[in-house]
Structure formats: C-alpha cells, structure tokens
PDB file of all heavy atoms in Angstrom:
ATOM      1  N   PHE A   1     106.642  98.091 110.074  1.00  0.00           N
ATOM      2  CA  PHE A   1     106.406  98.998 108.943  1.00  0.00           C
ATOM      3  C   PHE A   1     106.264 100.447 109.420  1.00  0.00           C
ATOM      4  O   PHE A   1     106.052 101.339 108.609  1.00  0.00           O
ATOM      5  CB  PHE A   1     105.139  98.582 108.187  1.00  0.00           C
ATOM      6  CG  PHE A   1     105.293  97.327 107.388  1.00  0.00           C
ATOM      7  CD1 PHE A   1     105.264  96.087 108.008  1.00  0.00           C
ATOM      8  CD2 PHE A   1     105.471  97.376 106.015  1.00  0.00           C
ATOM      9  CE1 PHE A   1     105.409  94.920 107.280  1.00  0.00           C
ATOM     10  CE2 PHE A   1     105.614  96.208 105.268  1.00  0.00           C
ATOM     11  CZ  PHE A   1     105.593  94.974 105.909  1.00  0.00           C
ATOM     12  N   THR A   2     106.367 100.689 110.710  1.00  0.00           N
ATOM     13  CA  THR A   2     106.124 102.026 111.249  1.00  0.00           C
ATOM     14  C   THR A   2     107.357 102.911 111.166  1.00  0.00           C
ATOM     15  O   THR A   2     108.488 102.437 110.960  1.00  0.00           O
ATOM     16  CB  THR A   2     105.676 101.937 112.718  1.00  0.00           C
ATOM     17  OG1 THR A   2     106.746 101.363 113.490  1.00  0.00           O
ATOM     18  CG2 THR A   2     104.432 101.073 112.857  1.00  0.00           C
ATOM     19  N   ASN A   3     107.128 104.215 111.338  1.00  0.00           N
ATOM     20  CA  ASN A   3     108.226 105.180 111.332  1.00  0.00           C
ATOM     21  C   ASN A   3     109.239 104.865 112.434  1.00  0.00           C
ATOM     22  O   ASN A   3     110.455 104.962 112.229  1.00  0.00           O
ATOM     23  CB  ASN A   3     107.680 106.600 111.540  1.00  0.00           C
ATOM     24  CG  ASN A   3     106.711 107.010 110.459  1.00  0.00           C
ATOM     25  OD1 ASN A   3     106.873 106.654 109.306  1.00  0.00           O
ATOM     26  ND2 ASN A   3     105.689 107.757 110.821  1.00  0.00           N
ATOM     27  N   TYR A   4     108.723 104.499 113.595  1.00  0.00           N
ATOM     28  CA  TYR A   4     109.591 104.213 114.740  1.00  0.00           C
ATOM     29  C   TYR A   4     110.588 103.097 114.410  1.00  0.00           C
ATOM     30  O   TYR A   4     111.785 103.196 114.700  1.00  0.00           O
ATOM     31  CB  TYR A   4     108.716 103.836 115.939  1.00  0.00           C
ATOM     32  CG  TYR A   4     109.465 103.435 117.189  1.00  0.00           C
ATOM     33  CD1 TYR A   4     110.720 103.958 117.498  1.00  0.00           C
ATOM     34  CD2 TYR A   4     108.899 102.529 118.085  1.00  0.00           C
ATOM     35  CE1 TYR A   4     111.400 103.574 118.656  1.00  0.00           C
ATOM     36  CE2 TYR A   4     109.563 102.152 119.248  1.00  0.00           C
ATOM     37  CZ  TYR A   4     110.820 102.676 119.515  1.00  0.00           C
ATOM     38  OH  TYR A   4     111.492 102.302 120.650  1.00  0.00           O
ATOM     39  N   PHE A   5     110.107 102.037 113.796  1.00  0.00           N
ATOM     40  CA  PHE A   5     110.982 100.915 113.471  1.00  0.00           C
ATOM     41  C   PHE A   5     111.926 101.260 112.314  1.00  0.00           C
ATOM     42  O   PHE A   5     113.140 101.031 112.398  1.00  0.00           O
ATOM     43  CB  PHE A   5     110.148  99.689 113.104  1.00  0.00           C
ATOM     44  CG  PHE A   5     110.966  98.485 112.721  1.00  0.00           C
ATOM     45  CD1 PHE A   5     111.493  97.646 113.685  1.00  0.00           C
ATOM     46  CD2 PHE A   5     111.219  98.192 111.386  1.00  0.00           C
ATOM     47  CE1 PHE A   5     112.264  96.535 113.336  1.00  0.00           C
ATOM     48  CE2 PHE A   5     111.969  97.085 111.029  1.00  0.00           C
ATOM     49  CZ  PHE A   5     112.501  96.254 112.004  1.00  0.00           C
ATOM     50  N   LEU A   6     111.382 101.813 111.234  1.00  0.00           N
ATOM     51  CA  LEU A   6     112.188 102.032 110.026  1.00  0.00           C
ATOM     52  C   LEU A   6     113.257 103.095 110.216  1.00  0.00           C
ATOM     53  O   LEU A   6     114.280 103.077 109.516  1.00  0.00           O
ATOM     54  CB  LEU A   6     111.269 102.411 108.859  1.00  0.00           C
ATOM     55  CG  LEU A   6     110.280 101.319 108.414  1.00  0.00           C
ATOM     56  CD1 LEU A   6     109.358 101.861 107.333  1.00  0.00           C
ATOM     57  CD2 LEU A   6     111.015 100.077 107.917  1.00  0.00           C
ATOM     58  N   LEU A   7     113.048 104.039 111.135  1.00  0.00           N
ATOM     59  CA  LEU A   7     114.031 105.102 111.357  1.00  0.00           C
ATOM     60  C   LEU A   7     115.012 104.752 112.481  1.00  0.00           C
ATOM     61  O   LEU A   7     115.813 105.598 112.880  1.00  0.00           O
ATOM     62  CB  LEU A   7     113.319 106.419 111.680  1.00  0.00           C
ATOM     63  CG  LEU A   7     112.511 107.029 110.522  1.00  0.00           C
ATOM     64  CD1 LEU A   7     111.798 108.288 110.974  1.00  0.00           C
ATOM     65  CD2 LEU A   7     113.415 107.319 109.335  1.00  0.00           C
ATOM     66  N   THR A   8     114.945 103.531 112.980  1.00  0.00           N
ATOM     67  CA  THR A   8     115.902 103.076 113.985  1.00  0.00           C
ATOM     68  C   THR A   8     117.068 102.383 113.289  1.00  0.00           C
ATOM     69  O   THR A   8     116.878 101.376 112.587  1.00  0.00           O
ATOM     70  CB  THR A   8     115.235 102.108 114.975  1.00  0.00           C
ATOM     71  OG1 THR A   8     114.144 102.776 115.615  1.00  0.00           O
ATOM     72  CG2 THR A   8     116.221 101.649 116.026  1.00  0.00           C
ATOM     73  N   LYS A   9     118.253 102.944 113.433  1.00  0.00           N
ATOM     74  CA  LYS A   9     119.481 102.383 112.841  1.00  0.00           C
ATOM     75  C   LYS A   9     119.262 102.129 111.339  1.00  0.00           C
ATOM     76  O   LYS A   9     118.864 103.018 110.615  1.00  0.00           O
ATOM     77  CB  LYS A   9     119.888 101.104 113.579  1.00  0.00           C
ATOM     78  CG  LYS A   9     120.182 101.311 115.059  1.00  0.00           C
ATOM     79  CD  LYS A   9     120.573 100.003 115.743  1.00  0.00           C
ATOM     80  CE  LYS A   9     120.824 100.227 117.228  1.00  0.00           C
ATOM     81  NZ  LYS A   9     121.178  98.963 117.936  1.00  0.00           N
ATOM     82  N   ASN A  10     119.560 100.888 110.898  1.00  0.00           N
ATOM     83  CA  ASN A  10     119.420 100.545 109.477  1.00  0.00           C
ATOM     84  C   ASN A  10     118.159  99.723 109.207  1.00  0.00           C
ATOM     85  O   ASN A  10     118.113  98.958 108.230  1.00  0.00           O
ATOM     86  CB  ASN A  10     120.652  99.750 109.010  1.00  0.00           C
ATOM     87  CG  ASN A  10     121.923 100.581 109.053  1.00  0.00           C
ATOM     88  OD1 ASN A  10     121.890 101.787 108.823  1.00  0.00           O
ATOM     89  ND2 ASN A  10     123.039  99.942 109.354  1.00  0.00           N
ATOM     90  N   ASN A  11     117.143  99.902 110.028  1.00  0.00           N
ATOM     91  CA  ASN A  11     115.953  99.058 109.903  1.00  0.00           C
ATOM     92  C   ASN A  11     115.193  99.267 108.602  1.00  0.00           C
ATOM     93  O   ASN A  11     114.389  98.414 108.210  1.00  0.00           O
ATOM     94  CB  ASN A  11     115.008  99.299 111.086  1.00  0.00           C
ATOM     95  CG  ASN A  11     115.574  98.762 112.385  1.00  0.00           C
ATOM     96  OD1 ASN A  11     116.650  98.169 112.409  1.00  0.00           O
ATOM     97  ND2 ASN A  11     114.856  98.982 113.470  1.00  0.00           N
ATOM     98  N   TYR A  12     115.423 100.384 107.928  1.00  0.00           N
ATOM     99  CA  TYR A  12     114.743 100.620 106.660  1.00  0.00           C
ATOM    100  C   TYR A  12     115.085  99.516 105.656  1.00  0.00           C
ATOM    101  O   TYR A  12     114.334  99.237 104.717  1.00  0.00           O
ATOM    102  CB  TYR A  12     115.137 101.993 106.090  1.00  0.00           C
ATOM    103  CG  TYR A  12     116.560 102.079 105.615  1.00  0.00           C
ATOM    104  CD1 TYR A  12     116.878 101.861 104.286  1.00  0.00           C
ATOM    105  CD2 TYR A  12     117.600 102.381 106.487  1.00  0.00           C
ATOM    106  CE1 TYR A  12     118.190 101.928 103.840  1.00  0.00           C
ATOM    107  CE2 TYR A  12     118.904 102.453 106.058  1.00  0.00           C
ATOM    108  CZ  TYR A  12     119.205 102.227 104.729  1.00  0.00           C
ATOM    109  OH  TYR A  12     120.494 102.298 104.287  1.00  0.00           O
ATOM    110  N   ARG A  13     116.216  98.837 105.854  1.00  0.00           N
ATOM    111  CA  ARG A  13     116.626  97.778 104.934  1.00  0.00           C
ATOM    112  C   ARG A  13     115.696  96.571 105.015  1.00  0.00           C
ATOM    113  O   ARG A  13     115.616  95.779 104.073  1.00  0.00           O
ATOM    114  CB  ARG A  13     118.064  97.343 105.254  1.00  0.00           C
ATOM    115  CG  ARG A  13     119.106  98.422 104.954  1.00  0.00           C
ATOM    116  CD  ARG A  13     120.483  97.960 105.387  1.00  0.00           C
ATOM    117  NE  ARG A  13     121.489  98.985 105.127  1.00  0.00           N
ATOM    118  CZ  ARG A  13     122.746  98.927 105.544  1.00  0.00           C
ATOM    119  NH1 ARG A  13     123.142  97.879 106.271  1.00  0.00           N
ATOM    120  NH2 ARG A  13     123.603  99.887 105.258  1.00  0.00           N
ATOM    121  N   TYR A  14     115.013  96.441 106.134  1.00  0.00           N
ATOM    122  CA  TYR A  14     114.052  95.339 106.253  1.00  0.00           C
ATOM    123  C   TYR A  14     112.929  95.508 105.234  1.00  0.00           C
ATOM    124  O   TYR A  14     112.554  94.558 104.525  1.00  0.00           O
ATOM    125  CB  TYR A  14     113.483  95.287 107.663  1.00  0.00           C
ATOM    126  CG  TYR A  14     112.331  94.312 107.818  1.00  0.00           C
ATOM    127  CD1 TYR A  14     112.545  92.941 107.771  1.00  0.00           C
ATOM    128  CD2 TYR A  14     111.024  94.769 107.997  1.00  0.00           C
ATOM    129  CE1 TYR A  14     111.487  92.043 107.902  1.00  0.00           C
ATOM    130  CE2 TYR A  14     109.972  93.879 108.127  1.00  0.00           C
ATOM    131  CZ  TYR A  14     110.207  92.516 108.079  1.00  0.00           C
ATOM    132  OH  TYR A  14     109.155  91.638 108.201  1.00  0.00           O
ATOM    133  N   LEU A  15     112.385  96.723 105.148  1.00  0.00           N
ATOM    134  CA  LEU A  15     111.304  96.962 104.196  1.00  0.00           C
ATOM    135  C   LEU A  15     111.808  96.873 102.762  1.00  0.00           C
ATOM    136  O   LEU A  15     111.125  96.334 101.882  1.00  0.00           O
ATOM    137  CB  LEU A  15     110.656  98.326 104.453  1.00  0.00           C
ATOM    138  CG  LEU A  15     109.480  98.689 103.539  1.00  0.00           C
ATOM    139  CD1 LEU A  15     108.407  97.612 103.577  1.00  0.00           C
ATOM    140  CD2 LEU A  15     108.894 100.034 103.919  1.00  0.00           C
ATOM    141  N   THR A  16     113.004  97.390 102.503  1.00  0.00           N
ATOM    142  CA  THR A  16     113.540  97.281 101.135  1.00  0.00           C
ATOM    143  C   THR A  16     113.737  95.818 100.755  1.00  0.00           C
ATOM    144  O   THR A  16     113.580  95.436  99.597  1.00  0.00           O
ATOM    145  CB  THR A  16     114.877  98.031 101.021  1.00  0.00           C
ATOM    146  OG1 THR A  16     115.836  97.441 101.907  1.00  0.00           O
ATOM    147  CG2 THR A  16     114.704  99.494 101.373  1.00  0.00           C
ATOM    148  N   GLY A  17     114.090  94.984 101.743  1.00  0.00           N
ATOM    149  CA  GLY A  17     114.237  93.564 101.462  1.00  0.00           C
ATOM    150  C   GLY A  17     112.919  92.919 101.081  1.00  0.00           C
ATOM    151  O   GLY A  17     112.849  92.124 100.133  1.00  0.00           O
ATOM    152  N   LEU A  18     111.840  93.260 101.814  1.00  0.00           N
ATOM    153  CA  LEU A  18     110.528  92.711 101.465  1.00  0.00           C
ATOM    154  C   LEU A  18     110.049  93.204 100.110  1.00  0.00           C
ATOM    155  O   LEU A  18     109.448  92.455  99.328  1.00  0.00           O
ATOM    156  CB  LEU A  18     109.507  93.084 102.549  1.00  0.00           C
ATOM    157  CG  LEU A  18     109.675  92.429 103.922  1.00  0.00           C
ATOM    158  CD1 LEU A  18     108.550  92.880 104.843  1.00  0.00           C
ATOM    159  CD2 LEU A  18     109.695  90.919 103.819  1.00  0.00           C
ATOM    160  N   LEU A  19     110.334  94.485  99.807  1.00  0.00           N
ATOM    161  CA  LEU A  19     109.902  95.040  98.531  1.00  0.00           C
ATOM    162  C   LEU A  19     110.617  94.379  97.359  1.00  0.00           C
ATOM    163  O   LEU A  19     110.120  94.391  96.225  1.00  0.00           O
ATOM    164  CB  LEU A  19     110.147  96.551  98.503  1.00  0.00           C
ATOM    165  CG  LEU A  19     109.303  97.392  99.463  1.00  0.00           C
ATOM    166  CD1 LEU A  19     109.700  98.857  99.381  1.00  0.00           C
ATOM    167  CD2 LEU A  19     107.822  97.232  99.162  1.00  0.00           C
ATOM    168  N   ALA A  20     111.791  93.788  97.613  1.00  0.00           N
ATOM    169  CA  ALA A  20     112.518  93.114  96.542  1.00  0.00           C
ATOM    170  C   ALA A  20     111.762  91.899  96.026  1.00  0.00           C
ATOM    171  O   ALA A  20     112.024  91.425  94.910  1.00  0.00           O
ATOM    172  CB  ALA A  20     113.904  92.692  97.047  1.00  0.00           C
ATOM    173  N   TYR A  21     110.802  91.387  96.800  1.00  0.00           N
ATOM    174  CA  TYR A  21     110.025  90.227  96.378  1.00  0.00           C
ATOM    175  C   TYR A  21     108.764  90.625  95.604  1.00  0.00           C
ATOM    176  O   TYR A  21     108.028  89.744  95.158  1.00  0.00           O
ATOM    177  CB  TYR A  21     109.637  89.396  97.596  1.00  0.00           C
ATOM    178  CG  TYR A  21     110.813  88.692  98.231  1.00  0.00           C
ATOM    179  CD1 TYR A  21     111.475  89.248  99.327  1.00  0.00           C
ATOM    180  CD2 TYR A  21     111.283  87.475  97.732  1.00  0.00           C
ATOM    181  CE1 TYR A  21     112.553  88.611  99.910  1.00  0.00           C
ATOM    182  CE2 TYR A  21     112.363  86.831  98.308  1.00  0.00           C
ATOM    183  CZ  TYR A  21     113.002  87.404  99.399  1.00  0.00           C
ATOM    184  OH  TYR A  21     114.074  86.764  99.963  1.00  0.00           O
ATOM    185  N   LEU A  22     108.522  91.917  95.483  1.00  0.00           N
ATOM    186  CA  LEU A  22     107.393  92.367  94.669  1.00  0.00           C
ATOM    187  C   LEU A  22     107.750  92.251  93.196  1.00  0.00           C
ATOM    188  O   LEU A  22     108.926  92.311  92.824  1.00  0.00           O
ATOM    189  CB  LEU A  22     107.037  93.815  95.011  1.00  0.00           C
ATOM    190  CG  LEU A  22     106.527  94.081  96.433  1.00  0.00           C
ATOM    191  CD1 LEU A  22     106.267  95.569  96.628  1.00  0.00           C
ATOM    192  CD2 LEU A  22     105.260  93.285  96.713  1.00  0.00           C
ATOM    193  N   PRO A  23     106.773  92.100  92.323  1.00  0.00           N
ATOM    194  CA  PRO A  23     107.070  91.980  90.890  1.00  0.00           C
ATOM    195  C   PRO A  23     107.732  93.241  90.347  1.00  0.00           C
ATOM    196  O   PRO A  23     107.348  94.363  90.702  1.00  0.00           O
ATOM    197  CB  PRO A  23     105.695  91.749  90.263  1.00  0.00           C
ATOM    198  CG  PRO A  23     104.712  92.242  91.271  1.00  0.00           C
ATOM    199  CD  PRO A  23     105.328  92.000  92.609  1.00  0.00           C
ATOM    200  N   VAL A  24     108.731  93.048  89.492  1.00  0.00           N
ATOM    201  CA  VAL A  24     109.483  94.182  88.931  1.00  0.00           C
ATOM    202  C   VAL A  24     108.614  95.004  87.989  1.00  0.00           C
ATOM    203  O   VAL A  24     108.735  96.225  87.913  1.00  0.00           O
ATOM    204  CB  VAL A  24     110.739  93.668  88.195  1.00  0.00           C
ATOM    205  CG1 VAL A  24     111.540  94.828  87.619  1.00  0.00           C
ATOM    206  CG2 VAL A  24     111.580  92.827  89.122  1.00  0.00           C
ATOM    207  N   ASN A  25     107.715  94.348  87.284  1.00  0.00           N
ATOM    208  CA  ASN A  25     106.924  95.023  86.249  1.00  0.00           C
ATOM    209  C   ASN A  25     105.554  95.456  86.760  1.00  0.00           C
ATOM    210  O   ASN A  25     104.585  95.502  85.997  1.00  0.00           O
ATOM    211  CB  ASN A  25     106.772  94.105  85.042  1.00  0.00           C
ATOM    212  CG  ASN A  25     106.205  92.738  85.442  1.00  0.00           C
ATOM    213  OD1 ASN A  25     106.011  92.467  86.620  1.00  0.00           O
ATOM    214  ND2 ASN A  25     105.950  91.891  84.452  1.00  0.00           N
ATOM    215  N   ALA A  26     105.433  95.746  88.048  1.00  0.00           N
ATOM    216  CA  ALA A  26     104.136  96.180  88.607  1.00  0.00           C
ATOM    217  C   ALA A  26     103.694  97.487  87.961  1.00  0.00           C
ATOM    218  O   ALA A  26     104.512  98.362  87.656  1.00  0.00           O
ATOM    219  CB  ALA A  26     104.245  96.342  90.113  1.00  0.00           C
ATOM    220  N   THR A  27     102.387  97.620  87.740  1.00  0.00           N
ATOM    221  CA  THR A  27     101.844  98.822  87.093  1.00  0.00           C
ATOM    222  C   THR A  27     101.169  99.767  88.084  1.00  0.00           C
ATOM    223  O   THR A  27     101.234 100.976  87.939  1.00  0.00           O
ATOM    224  CB  THR A  27     100.825  98.439  86.016  1.00  0.00           C
ATOM    225  OG1 THR A  27      99.792  97.629  86.604  1.00  0.00           O
ATOM    226  CG2 THR A  27     101.499  97.645  84.902  1.00  0.00           C
ATOM    227  N   ASP A  28     100.512  99.190  89.098  1.00  0.00           N
ATOM    228  CA  ASP A  28      99.782 100.019  90.066  1.00  0.00           C
ATOM    229  C   ASP A  28      99.919  99.431  91.463  1.00  0.00           C
ATOM    230  O   ASP A  28      99.983  98.206  91.636  1.00  0.00           O
ATOM    231  CB  ASP A  28      98.289 100.105  89.717  1.00  0.00           C
ATOM    232  CG  ASP A  28      98.038 100.869  88.431  1.00  0.00           C
ATOM    233  OD1 ASP A  28      98.127 102.102  88.457  1.00  0.00           O
ATOM    234  OD2 ASP A  28      97.772 100.207  87.404  1.00  0.00           O
ATOM    235  N   ILE A  29      99.945 100.309  92.460  1.00  0.00           N
ATOM    236  CA  ILE A  29      99.902  99.896  93.867  1.00  0.00           C
ATOM    237  C   ILE A  29      98.692 100.552  94.520  1.00  0.00           C
ATOM    238  O   ILE A  29      98.542 101.777  94.469  1.00  0.00           O
ATOM    239  CB  ILE A  29     101.185 100.292  94.627  1.00  0.00           C
ATOM    240  CG1 ILE A  29     102.403  99.566  94.045  1.00  0.00           C
ATOM    241  CG2 ILE A  29     101.052  99.963  96.106  1.00  0.00           C
ATOM    242  CD1 ILE A  29     103.703  99.946  94.729  1.00  0.00           C
ATOM    243  N   THR A  30      97.842  99.757  95.093  1.00  0.00           N
ATOM    244  CA  THR A  30      96.689 100.280  95.831  1.00  0.00           C
ATOM    245  C   THR A  30      96.936 100.058  97.316  1.00  0.00           C
ATOM    246  O   THR A  30      97.145  98.925  97.754  1.00  0.00           O
ATOM    247  CB  THR A  30      95.389  99.575  95.414  1.00  0.00           C
ATOM    248  OG1 THR A  30      95.191  99.748  94.008  1.00  0.00           O
ATOM    249  CG2 THR A  30      94.199 100.165  96.166  1.00  0.00           C
ATOM    250  N   TRP A  31      96.907 101.152  98.072  1.00  0.00           N
ATOM    251  CA  TRP A  31      97.179 101.075  99.510  1.00  0.00           C
ATOM    252  C   TRP A  31      95.857 101.125 100.261  1.00  0.00           C
ATOM    253  O   TRP A  31      95.073 102.055 100.116  1.00  0.00           O
ATOM    254  CB  TRP A  31      98.075 102.226  99.951  1.00  0.00           C
ATOM    255  CG  TRP A  31      98.696 101.970 101.300  1.00  0.00           C
ATOM    256  CD1 TRP A  31      98.121 102.187 102.508  1.00  0.00           C
ATOM    257  CD2 TRP A  31      99.983 101.423 101.557  1.00  0.00           C
ATOM    258  NE1 TRP A  31      98.966 101.819 103.520  1.00  0.00           N
ATOM    259  CE2 TRP A  31     100.134 101.343 102.965  1.00  0.00           C
ATOM    260  CE3 TRP A  31     101.036 101.001 100.751  1.00  0.00           C
ATOM    261  CZ2 TRP A  31     101.278 100.857 103.583  1.00  0.00           C
ATOM    262  CZ3 TRP A  31     102.177 100.514 101.358  1.00  0.00           C
ATOM    263  CH2 TRP A  31     102.299 100.449 102.755  1.00  0.00           C
ATOM    264  N   ASP A  32      95.626 100.114 101.059  1.00  0.00           N
ATOM    265  CA  ASP A  32      94.359 100.001 101.766  1.00  0.00           C
ATOM    266  C   ASP A  32      94.306 100.937 102.975  1.00  0.00           C
ATOM    267  O   ASP A  32      95.254 101.018 103.752  1.00  0.00           O
ATOM    268  CB  ASP A  32      94.154  98.565 102.230  1.00  0.00           C
ATOM    269  CG  ASP A  32      92.859  98.399 102.993  1.00  0.00           C
ATOM    270  OD1 ASP A  32      91.824  98.199 102.342  1.00  0.00           O
ATOM    271  OD2 ASP A  32      92.886  98.484 104.234  1.00  0.00           O
ATOM    272  N   THR A  33      93.189 101.653 103.129  1.00  0.00           N
ATOM    273  CA  THR A  33      92.953 102.508 104.302  1.00  0.00           C
ATOM    274  C   THR A  33      91.661 102.110 105.008  1.00  0.00           C
ATOM    275  O   THR A  33      91.114 102.882 105.785  1.00  0.00           O
ATOM    276  CB  THR A  33      92.880 103.988 103.900  1.00  0.00           C
ATOM    277  OG1 THR A  33      91.805 104.168 102.957  1.00  0.00           O
ATOM    278  CG2 THR A  33      94.184 104.448 103.275  1.00  0.00           C
ATOM    279  N   TYR A  34      91.170 100.909 104.691  1.00  0.00           N
ATOM    280  CA  TYR A  34      89.895 100.459 105.255  1.00  0.00           C
ATOM    281  C   TYR A  34      90.093  99.528 106.450  1.00  0.00           C
ATOM    282  O   TYR A  34      89.502  99.742 107.512  1.00  0.00           O
ATOM    283  CB  TYR A  34      89.080  99.756 104.168  1.00  0.00           C
ATOM    284  CG  TYR A  34      87.797  99.122 104.675  1.00  0.00           C
ATOM    285  CD1 TYR A  34      86.678  99.898 104.938  1.00  0.00           C
ATOM    286  CD2 TYR A  34      87.707  97.746 104.885  1.00  0.00           C
ATOM    287  CE1 TYR A  34      85.501  99.332 105.408  1.00  0.00           C
ATOM    288  CE2 TYR A  34      86.539  97.166 105.347  1.00  0.00           C
ATOM    289  CZ  TYR A  34      85.433  97.959 105.611  1.00  0.00           C
ATOM    290  OH  TYR A  34      84.274  97.391 106.075  1.00  0.00           O
ATOM    291  N   TYR A  35      90.922  98.514 106.306  1.00  0.00           N
ATOM    292  CA  TYR A  35      91.023  97.489 107.336  1.00  0.00           C
ATOM    293  C   TYR A  35      91.757  97.970 108.585  1.00  0.00           C
ATOM    294  O   TYR A  35      91.575  97.390 109.659  1.00  0.00           O
ATOM    295  CB  TYR A  35      91.703  96.240 106.766  1.00  0.00           C
ATOM    296  CG  TYR A  35      90.836  95.549 105.740  1.00  0.00           C
ATOM    297  CD1 TYR A  35      91.095  95.690 104.380  1.00  0.00           C
ATOM    298  CD2 TYR A  35      89.731  94.799 106.119  1.00  0.00           C
ATOM    299  CE1 TYR A  35      90.291  95.081 103.433  1.00  0.00           C
ATOM    300  CE2 TYR A  35      88.915  94.190 105.184  1.00  0.00           C
ATOM    301  CZ  TYR A  35      89.194  94.335 103.833  1.00  0.00           C
ATOM    302  OH  TYR A  35      88.381  93.754 102.912  1.00  0.00           O
ATOM    303  N   ASN A  36      92.582  99.023 108.479  1.00  0.00           N
ATOM    304  CA  ASN A  36      93.250  99.513 109.688  1.00  0.00           C
ATOM    305  C   ASN A  36      92.288 100.259 110.608  1.00  0.00           C
ATOM    306  O   ASN A  36      92.654 100.629 111.723  1.00  0.00           O
ATOM    307  CB  ASN A  36      94.438 100.408 109.325  1.00  0.00           C
ATOM    308  CG  ASN A  36      94.011 101.701 108.662  1.00  0.00           C
ATOM    309  OD1 ASN A  36      92.892 101.804 108.173  1.00  0.00           O
ATOM    310  ND2 ASN A  36      94.889 102.674 108.628  1.00  0.00           N
ATOM    311  N   LYS A  37      91.045 100.479 110.134  1.00  0.00           N
ATOM    312  CA  LYS A  37      90.024 101.112 110.969  1.00  0.00           C
ATOM    313  C   LYS A  37      88.917 100.132 111.350  1.00  0.00           C
ATOM    314  O   LYS A  37      87.930 100.523 111.982  1.00  0.00           O
ATOM    315  CB  LYS A  37      89.407 102.307 110.230  1.00  0.00           C
ATOM    316  CG  LYS A  37      90.418 103.385 109.855  1.00  0.00           C
ATOM    317  CD  LYS A  37      89.741 104.485 109.067  1.00  0.00           C
ATOM    318  CE  LYS A  37      90.744 105.549 108.631  1.00  0.00           C
ATOM    319  NZ  LYS A  37      90.106 106.605 107.818  1.00  0.00           N
ATOM    320  N   LEU A  38      89.053  98.860 110.939  1.00  0.00           N
ATOM    321  CA  LEU A  38      88.008  97.867 111.177  1.00  0.00           C
ATOM    322  C   LEU A  38      88.409  96.985 112.355  1.00  0.00           C
ATOM    323  O   LEU A  38      89.290  96.146 112.233  1.00  0.00           O
ATOM    324  CB  LEU A  38      87.803  97.016 109.918  1.00  0.00           C
ATOM    325  CG  LEU A  38      86.586  96.103 109.893  1.00  0.00           C
ATOM    326  CD1 LEU A  38      85.308  96.926 109.854  1.00  0.00           C
ATOM    327  CD2 LEU A  38      86.642  95.171 108.688  1.00  0.00           C
ATOM    328  N   PRO A  39      87.768  97.146 113.518  1.00  0.00           N
ATOM    329  CA  PRO A  39      88.191  96.400 114.713  1.00  0.00           C
ATOM    330  C   PRO A  39      87.666  94.967 114.773  1.00  0.00           C
ATOM    331  O   PRO A  39      88.072  94.208 115.639  1.00  0.00           O
ATOM    332  CB  PRO A  39      87.614  97.235 115.855  1.00  0.00           C
ATOM    333  CG  PRO A  39      86.390  97.852 115.264  1.00  0.00           C
ATOM    334  CD  PRO A  39      86.719  98.118 113.814  1.00  0.00           C
ATOM    335  N   TYR A  40      86.760  94.603 113.876  1.00  0.00           N
ATOM    336  CA  TYR A  40      86.207  93.251 113.893  1.00  0.00           C
ATOM    337  C   TYR A  40      85.722  92.901 112.494  1.00  0.00           C
ATOM    338  O   TYR A  40      85.684  93.739 111.602  1.00  0.00           O
ATOM    339  CB  TYR A  40      85.052  93.126 114.890  1.00  0.00           C
ATOM    340  CG  TYR A  40      84.028  94.221 114.770  1.00  0.00           C
ATOM    341  CD1 TYR A  40      83.026  94.178 113.808  1.00  0.00           C
ATOM    342  CD2 TYR A  40      84.070  95.338 115.616  1.00  0.00           C
ATOM    343  CE1 TYR A  40      82.105  95.190 113.686  1.00  0.00           C
ATOM    344  CE2 TYR A  40      83.155  96.359 115.496  1.00  0.00           C
ATOM    345  CZ  TYR A  40      82.171  96.282 114.532  1.00  0.00           C
ATOM    346  OH  TYR A  40      81.272  97.288 114.403  1.00  0.00           O
ATOM    347  N   LYS A  41      85.350  91.651 112.325  1.00  0.00           N
ATOM    348  CA  LYS A  41      84.922  91.171 111.017  1.00  0.00           C
ATOM    349  C   LYS A  41      83.610  91.823 110.616  1.00  0.00           C
ATOM    350  O   LYS A  41      82.671  91.898 111.405  1.00  0.00           O
ATOM    351  CB  LYS A  41      84.773  89.643 111.051  1.00  0.00           C
ATOM    352  CG  LYS A  41      84.564  89.008 109.680  1.00  0.00           C
ATOM    353  CD  LYS A  41      84.646  87.501 109.778  1.00  0.00           C
ATOM    354  CE  LYS A  41      84.507  86.845 108.411  1.00  0.00           C
ATOM    355  NZ  LYS A  41      84.657  85.378 108.499  1.00  0.00           N
TER     356      LYS A  41
END
C-alpha cells in the first residue's frame, strides 16, 4: 500500500483491484491513524 510499491510500474492496479471489492454504495470512509503507532496490544 506504500508509495514505493504503488509507483513502481503498474503496481497501482493492485490497489484498484482490491478497492473493486469495496461496496459501491459506501457513504463514508474512516482512515485509522491509531494502530500504525501502537507497537503492542
């Protein structure tokens, strides 16, 4: 999901492929900024 991977060749298509499985009628997206700073339970 990083810039390094997605900007290499056509790798951005990997993320677009995963996003295709999200619901079409989604109303809100909440992006978590808590767990990427939590090193343990």
